[in-house]
Amino acid sequence: MKKPLLCPQELLTLNLTGKTYIVTGGNSGIGLVTVEQLAQQGATVVLACRRPSEGEKASLKIRAKNPKAQIQVAQLDLADLQSVRRFVEHFLSTHSLLHGLVNNAGVMNTPFGRTRDGFETQFGTNHLGHYLLTELLIPILEKSAPARIVNLSSCFHDRAMGREGRIDFEDLHFEKRKYDGWTAYAQSKLANLLHAKHLAKQLAHRGITAVSVHPGWVRTQLIRSSMPVWIQNILLRPLFRLGGMLEPWEGAQTTLYTLLAPEVASHSGAYFSQIGIYRSREAAQGGWPLQSPNPNAHDEACAERLNEVSRQLVQR
């Protein structure tokens, strides 16, 4: 197995006292490790998740090891735009600064479904929910500059089980074409990458750096729509590990690097990748940053159109 890229230790010992971060999906997996690490370094972290009870359990586990951890749990359902608006309203009423937004939560290869607002589940949750969240938080991020936005994309924005990542503007929500879970996932993850690319252009000279990342193939609950989690975590874990599956702490390395490394500010809009599965062998080695082998990831006109369509869909 190729060795994963690791965040330099000096970044993981920086004093983040006085800094505030939001991590969506912070109750498990990569998000939980991110919350724990930021809190360990003294930051105030808002753990945003769909089920606050699960967030509270996660927070208690962190505080058991680090009693001084400043973690606040807040309800956020990305598949419900009203929930997104309520979350932001509450956050802005209780915080005056925000130094980093980690758009971490997501779903993968789900059965066909629709969000509360009628969007295809994966596009609606992975992209549109985070799109609205980000738009509503840009003013406070600018006020807190320098600030960062990190979108968790995936190497599957390139190809997901053979399906090339592309944005089908004529049928974003699978109203005409036959639904395919991997095609929908690839579209949503490409949208995450293009969103960060457009944000970098939109926020140039405003003190906000926006990037997208591939965290690696990580042992998390994300697999649950593709196979029983116990098969991944127990039965096939040794085999998957040999094949490149990472543990959550390894999967959080790219997120932490892009949040904390000073040099990332000069790469706004870039894609940072852990080792992954790509159409090119060179890209599979990962890179901070990495030039995506998917030509659709470099289509500026597509990124601009996606922004306009997304803005209309969320009625921003």
Protein backbone atom coordinates (compact mmCIF):
# COMPACT_ATOMS: atom_id res chain seq x y z
CA MET A 1 0.00 0.00 0.00
CA LYS A 2 1.19 3.51 -0.83
CA LYS A 3 2.02 5.67 2.18
CA PRO A 4 -0.57 8.36 2.88
CA LEU A 5 0.38 12.02 2.91
CA LEU A 6 0.65 13.36 6.46
CA CYS A 7 0.18 16.86 7.80
CA PRO A 8 3.47 18.24 9.21
CA GLN A 9 3.58 17.87 12.98
CA GLU A 10 4.36 21.54 13.51
CA LEU A 11 0.95 22.44 12.08
CA LEU A 12 -0.73 20.09 14.55
CA THR A 13 0.83 21.90 17.49
CA LEU A 14 -0.12 25.44 16.47
CA ASN A 15 -1.97 27.41 19.13
CA LEU A 16 -5.49 28.00 17.76
CA THR A 17 -6.86 29.74 20.85
CA GLY A 18 -9.28 32.46 19.75
CA LYS A 19 -10.05 30.74 16.43
CA THR A 20 -13.52 29.43 15.58
CA TYR A 21 -14.33 26.65 13.11
CA ILE A 22 -17.45 24.90 11.84
CA VAL A 23 -17.19 21.24 10.82
CA THR A 24 -20.26 19.69 9.18
CA GLY A 25 -20.76 16.00 9.87
CA GLY A 26 -18.42 16.35 12.82
CA ASN A 27 -19.93 13.52 14.85
CA SER A 28 -18.10 10.65 13.12
CA GLY A 29 -15.28 9.66 10.79
CA ILE A 30 -13.05 12.33 9.28
CA GLY A 31 -15.20 15.12 10.68
CA LEU A 32 -14.87 13.83 14.24
CA VAL A 33 -11.08 13.60 13.98
CA THR A 34 -11.00 17.14 12.57
CA VAL A 35 -13.13 18.46 15.44
CA GLU A 36 -10.98 16.68 18.03
CA GLN A 37 -7.69 17.93 16.57
CA LEU A 38 -8.81 21.56 16.26
CA ALA A 39 -10.18 21.50 19.82
CA GLN A 40 -6.95 19.95 21.08
CA GLN A 41 -5.11 22.93 19.62
CA GLY A 42 -7.32 25.36 21.50
CA ALA A 43 -9.89 26.31 18.89
CA THR A 44 -13.61 26.70 19.48
CA VAL A 45 -15.32 24.16 17.21
CA VAL A 46 -18.97 24.01 16.23
CA LEU A 47 -19.82 20.37 15.56
CA ALA A 48 -22.71 20.57 13.11
CA CYS A 49 -24.64 17.38 12.45
CA ARG A 50 -28.10 16.07 11.58
CA ARG A 51 -28.62 14.26 14.90
CA PRO A 52 -27.49 16.45 17.83
CA SER A 53 -27.70 13.50 20.22
CA GLU A 54 -24.93 11.80 18.24
CA GLY A 55 -22.95 15.02 18.27
CA GLU A 56 -23.25 15.25 22.05
CA LYS A 57 -21.98 11.68 22.43
CA ALA A 58 -19.00 12.50 20.22
CA SER A 59 -18.34 15.70 22.15
CA LEU A 60 -18.39 13.84 25.48
CA LYS A 61 -15.82 11.35 24.21
CA ILE A 62 -13.51 14.18 23.17
CA ARG A 63 -13.96 15.99 26.49
CA ALA A 64 -13.17 12.78 28.37
CA LYS A 65 -9.67 13.01 26.90
CA ASN A 66 -9.49 16.79 26.77
CA PRO A 67 -11.68 18.44 29.45
CA LYS A 68 -10.78 21.91 28.17
CA ALA A 69 -12.10 21.21 24.66
CA GLN A 70 -14.36 24.02 23.43
CA ILE A 71 -16.95 22.13 21.38
CA GLN A 72 -20.48 23.29 20.64
CA VAL A 73 -22.99 20.91 19.06
CA ALA A 74 -25.58 22.32 16.65
CA GLN A 75 -28.29 20.73 14.53
CA LEU A 76 -27.76 20.95 10.77
CA ASP A 77 -29.56 18.88 8.14
CA LEU A 78 -27.99 19.64 4.76
CA ALA A 79 -30.90 17.94 3.01
CA ASP A 80 -33.23 20.66 4.33
CA LEU A 81 -32.44 24.24 3.32
CA GLN A 82 -34.58 25.62 6.13
CA SER A 83 -32.38 23.73 8.57
CA VAL A 84 -29.34 25.32 6.96
CA ARG A 85 -30.83 28.78 7.38
CA ARG A 86 -31.77 28.10 11.01
CA PHE A 87 -28.25 26.88 11.76
CA VAL A 88 -26.67 30.01 10.29
CA GLU A 89 -29.12 32.30 12.07
CA HIS A 90 -28.26 30.67 15.40
CA PHE A 91 -24.52 30.70 14.71
CA LEU A 92 -24.50 34.39 13.79
CA SER A 93 -26.48 35.23 16.93
CA THR A 94 -23.90 33.54 19.16
CA HIS A 95 -20.57 34.11 17.35
CA SER A 96 -18.84 37.18 16.00
CA LEU A 97 -16.00 35.40 14.16
CA LEU A 98 -15.48 32.35 11.94
CA HIS A 99 -11.99 31.43 10.78
CA GLY A 100 -12.69 28.16 9.01
CA LEU A 101 -15.63 26.31 7.45
CA VAL A 102 -15.14 22.59 6.77
CA ASN A 103 -17.85 21.31 4.44
CA ASN A 104 -17.22 17.71 5.45
CA ALA A 105 -20.60 15.94 5.67
CA GLY A 106 -21.88 13.84 2.80
CA VAL A 107 -23.63 10.75 1.49
CA MET A 108 -22.44 8.26 -1.14
CA ASN A 109 -24.14 5.98 -3.66
CA THR A 110 -27.53 6.28 -2.01
CA PRO A 111 -30.72 4.77 -3.44
CA PHE A 112 -32.74 7.24 -5.46
CA GLY A 113 -34.38 9.82 -3.27
CA ARG A 114 -35.09 13.50 -2.87
CA THR A 115 -34.22 16.07 -0.23
CA ARG A 116 -36.90 18.02 1.62
CA ASP A 117 -36.64 20.68 -1.12
CA GLY A 118 -37.03 18.18 -3.97
CA PHE A 119 -33.42 17.84 -5.10
CA GLU A 120 -31.74 14.52 -5.91
CA THR A 121 -30.37 13.31 -2.57
CA GLN A 122 -26.65 13.33 -3.29
CA PHE A 123 -26.52 16.57 -5.26
CA GLY A 124 -28.85 18.23 -2.77
CA THR A 125 -26.99 17.08 0.34
CA ASN A 126 -23.37 17.08 -0.80
CA HIS A 127 -23.47 20.25 -2.88
CA LEU A 128 -26.57 22.43 -2.53
CA GLY A 129 -26.80 22.25 1.27
CA HIS A 130 -23.15 23.21 1.58
CA TYR A 131 -23.51 25.82 -1.15
CA LEU A 132 -26.21 27.68 0.79
CA LEU A 133 -24.35 27.25 4.09
CA THR A 134 -21.22 28.77 2.58
CA GLU A 135 -23.04 31.66 0.93
CA LEU A 136 -24.71 32.63 4.19
CA LEU A 137 -21.42 32.50 6.10
CA ILE A 138 -19.24 34.45 3.65
CA PRO A 139 -19.82 37.81 5.40
CA ILE A 140 -18.59 36.55 8.78
CA LEU A 141 -15.69 34.69 7.14
CA GLU A 142 -14.66 37.93 5.43
CA LYS A 143 -14.97 39.81 8.71
CA SER A 144 -12.69 37.20 10.33
CA ALA A 145 -10.10 37.11 7.52
CA PRO A 146 -7.77 35.46 6.97
CA ALA A 147 -10.24 32.58 6.80
CA ARG A 148 -10.58 29.29 4.95
CA ILE A 149 -13.27 27.18 3.31
CA VAL A 150 -12.52 23.49 2.76
CA ASN A 151 -14.89 21.42 0.61
CA LEU A 152 -14.54 17.66 0.92
CA SER A 153 -14.72 16.31 -2.60
CA SER A 154 -13.44 12.86 -3.64
CA CYS A 155 -11.20 11.18 -6.19
CA PHE A 156 -14.52 9.87 -7.50
CA HIS A 157 -15.14 13.35 -8.97
CA ASP A 158 -12.88 11.93 -11.68
CA ARG A 159 -14.44 8.51 -12.15
CA ALA A 160 -16.74 6.69 -9.75
CA MET A 161 -16.82 2.98 -10.49
CA GLY A 162 -16.30 3.80 -14.16
CA ARG A 163 -18.74 6.73 -14.34
CA GLU A 164 -17.00 9.96 -15.32
CA GLY A 165 -17.71 12.98 -13.17
CA ARG A 166 -19.70 15.57 -15.10
CA ILE A 167 -22.44 18.09 -14.36
CA ASP A 168 -25.59 17.28 -16.33
CA PHE A 169 -27.27 20.67 -16.37
CA GLU A 170 -30.14 19.29 -18.43
CA ASP A 171 -31.05 16.73 -15.77
CA LEU A 172 -29.32 17.51 -12.46
CA HIS A 173 -31.91 15.62 -10.41
CA PHE A 174 -32.42 12.51 -12.59
CA GLU A 175 -35.91 13.44 -13.68
CA LYS A 176 -35.32 12.16 -17.23
CA ARG A 177 -32.35 9.77 -17.15
CA LYS A 178 -32.24 6.48 -15.31
CA TYR A 179 -30.86 6.95 -11.82
CA ASP A 180 -27.43 5.56 -11.02
CA GLY A 181 -25.99 6.07 -7.53
CA TRP A 182 -22.37 6.30 -8.62
CA THR A 183 -23.16 8.71 -11.46
CA ALA A 184 -25.00 10.93 -8.97
CA TYR A 185 -22.11 10.71 -6.49
CA ALA A 186 -19.53 11.63 -9.12
CA GLN A 187 -21.64 14.63 -10.16
CA SER A 188 -21.97 15.84 -6.56
CA LYS A 189 -18.25 15.48 -5.82
CA LEU A 190 -17.31 17.32 -9.02
CA ALA A 191 -19.73 20.04 -7.90
CA ASN A 192 -17.83 20.32 -4.58
CA LEU A 193 -14.57 20.84 -6.48
CA LEU A 194 -16.06 23.37 -8.93
CA HIS A 195 -17.74 25.21 -6.06
CA ALA A 196 -14.36 25.76 -4.37
CA LYS A 197 -12.87 26.87 -7.67
CA HIS A 198 -15.60 29.46 -8.16
CA LEU A 199 -15.38 30.61 -4.53
CA ALA A 200 -11.67 31.31 -4.99
CA LYS A 201 -12.46 33.55 -7.94
CA GLN A 202 -15.41 35.21 -6.16
CA LEU A 203 -13.46 35.83 -2.96
CA ALA A 204 -10.12 36.88 -4.41
CA HIS A 205 -8.65 39.80 -2.43
CA ARG A 206 -11.22 39.33 0.36
CA GLY A 207 -8.96 37.32 2.66
CA ILE A 208 -10.75 33.97 2.23
CA THR A 209 -9.01 30.92 0.80
CA ALA A 210 -11.25 28.19 -0.68
CA VAL A 211 -10.04 24.73 -1.67
CA SER A 212 -11.39 21.23 -2.25
CA VAL A 213 -9.85 18.01 -0.97
CA HIS A 214 -9.90 14.25 -1.45
CA PRO A 215 -9.40 12.69 2.00
CA GLY A 216 -8.60 9.22 0.71
CA TRP A 217 -10.52 5.97 0.82
CA VAL A 218 -11.33 6.09 4.52
CA ARG A 219 -12.94 3.59 6.87
CA THR A 220 -16.12 5.54 7.72
CA GLN A 221 -19.90 5.16 7.71
CA LEU A 222 -20.00 6.58 4.16
CA ILE A 223 -19.94 3.02 2.81
CA ARG A 224 -23.31 2.16 4.38
CA SER A 225 -25.34 2.51 1.16
CA SER A 226 -22.94 0.25 -0.73
CA MET A 227 -22.38 -2.55 1.79
CA PRO A 228 -23.03 -3.33 5.46
CA VAL A 229 -20.56 -1.30 7.53
CA TRP A 230 -19.51 -4.39 9.54
CA ILE A 231 -18.22 -6.05 6.36
CA GLN A 232 -15.90 -3.08 5.77
CA ASN A 233 -14.90 -2.69 9.41
CA ILE A 234 -14.44 -6.36 10.33
CA LEU A 235 -14.69 -8.98 7.60
CA LEU A 236 -12.80 -7.23 4.80
CA ARG A 237 -10.83 -4.70 6.83
CA PRO A 238 -7.40 -6.44 6.44
CA LEU A 239 -7.91 -6.83 2.69
CA PHE A 240 -9.20 -3.28 2.26
CA ARG A 241 -6.26 -1.95 4.27
CA LEU A 242 -3.86 -3.67 1.89
CA GLY A 243 -5.83 -2.13 -0.98
CA GLY A 244 -5.34 1.40 0.36
CA MET A 245 -8.14 2.02 2.85
CA LEU A 246 -7.13 4.57 5.48
CA GLU A 247 -8.15 5.11 9.06
CA PRO A 248 -10.09 8.30 9.90
CA TRP A 249 -7.04 10.04 11.44
CA GLU A 250 -5.19 9.51 8.16
CA GLY A 251 -8.21 10.70 6.22
CA ALA A 252 -8.28 13.96 8.19
CA GLN A 253 -4.70 14.85 7.27
CA THR A 254 -5.54 16.68 4.03
CA THR A 255 -8.34 18.66 5.67
CA LEU A 256 -6.06 19.73 8.52
CA TYR A 257 -3.25 20.64 6.16
CA THR A 258 -5.48 22.84 4.01
CA LEU A 259 -6.92 24.53 7.10
CA LEU A 260 -3.59 25.23 8.79
CA ALA A 261 -0.70 25.41 6.31
CA PRO A 262 0.28 29.02 5.44
CA GLU A 263 1.27 28.09 1.88
CA VAL A 264 -2.27 26.95 1.03
CA ALA A 265 -3.34 30.61 0.87
CA SER A 266 -1.40 30.94 -2.38
CA HIS A 267 -3.37 28.04 -3.93
CA SER A 268 -6.95 29.21 -3.49
CA GLY A 269 -9.26 27.22 -5.76
CA ALA A 270 -6.89 24.25 -5.93
CA TYR A 271 -7.64 20.59 -5.32
CA PHE A 272 -5.62 18.78 -2.65
CA SER A 273 -5.59 15.01 -2.77
CA GLN A 274 -4.62 12.16 -0.50
CA ILE A 275 -3.60 8.96 -2.33
CA GLY A 276 -6.57 7.86 -4.42
CA ILE A 277 -8.07 6.05 -7.38
CA TYR A 278 -7.78 8.05 -10.60
CA ARG A 279 -7.64 7.43 -14.33
CA SER A 280 -3.94 8.31 -14.25
CA ARG A 281 -1.32 6.44 -12.25
CA GLU A 282 0.49 9.69 -11.48
CA ALA A 283 -2.56 11.25 -9.84
CA ALA A 284 -3.06 8.14 -7.70
CA GLN A 285 0.03 9.15 -5.69
CA GLY A 286 -1.88 12.19 -4.43
CA GLY A 287 -0.63 15.74 -4.22
CA TRP A 288 -0.98 18.89 -2.15
CA PRO A 289 -2.16 20.35 -4.51
CA LEU A 290 -2.99 17.95 -7.38
CA GLN A 291 -4.00 18.66 -10.97
CA SER A 292 -7.19 16.66 -11.45
CA PRO A 293 -7.07 14.31 -14.47
CA ASN A 294 -10.76 15.01 -15.15
CA PRO A 295 -10.98 17.75 -17.81
CA ASN A 296 -14.40 18.74 -16.42
CA ALA A 297 -12.66 19.85 -13.22
CA HIS A 298 -10.93 22.66 -15.13
CA ASP A 299 -13.95 24.02 -17.00
CA GLU A 300 -14.29 27.62 -15.79
CA ALA A 301 -17.53 28.13 -17.73
CA CYS A 302 -19.01 25.04 -16.06
CA ALA A 303 -18.01 26.34 -12.62
CA GLU A 304 -19.66 29.69 -13.38
CA ARG A 305 -22.82 28.04 -14.66
CA LEU A 306 -22.96 25.73 -11.65
CA ASN A 307 -22.78 28.74 -9.36
CA GLU A 308 -25.66 30.49 -11.12
CA VAL A 309 -27.83 27.37 -11.19
CA SER A 310 -27.08 26.61 -7.55
CA ARG A 311 -27.92 30.16 -6.50
CA GLN A 312 -31.29 29.89 -8.25
CA LEU A 313 -32.05 26.47 -6.77
CA VAL A 314 -31.41 27.57 -3.17
CA GLN A 315 -33.14 30.92 -3.83
CA ARG A 316 -30.20 32.85 -2.49
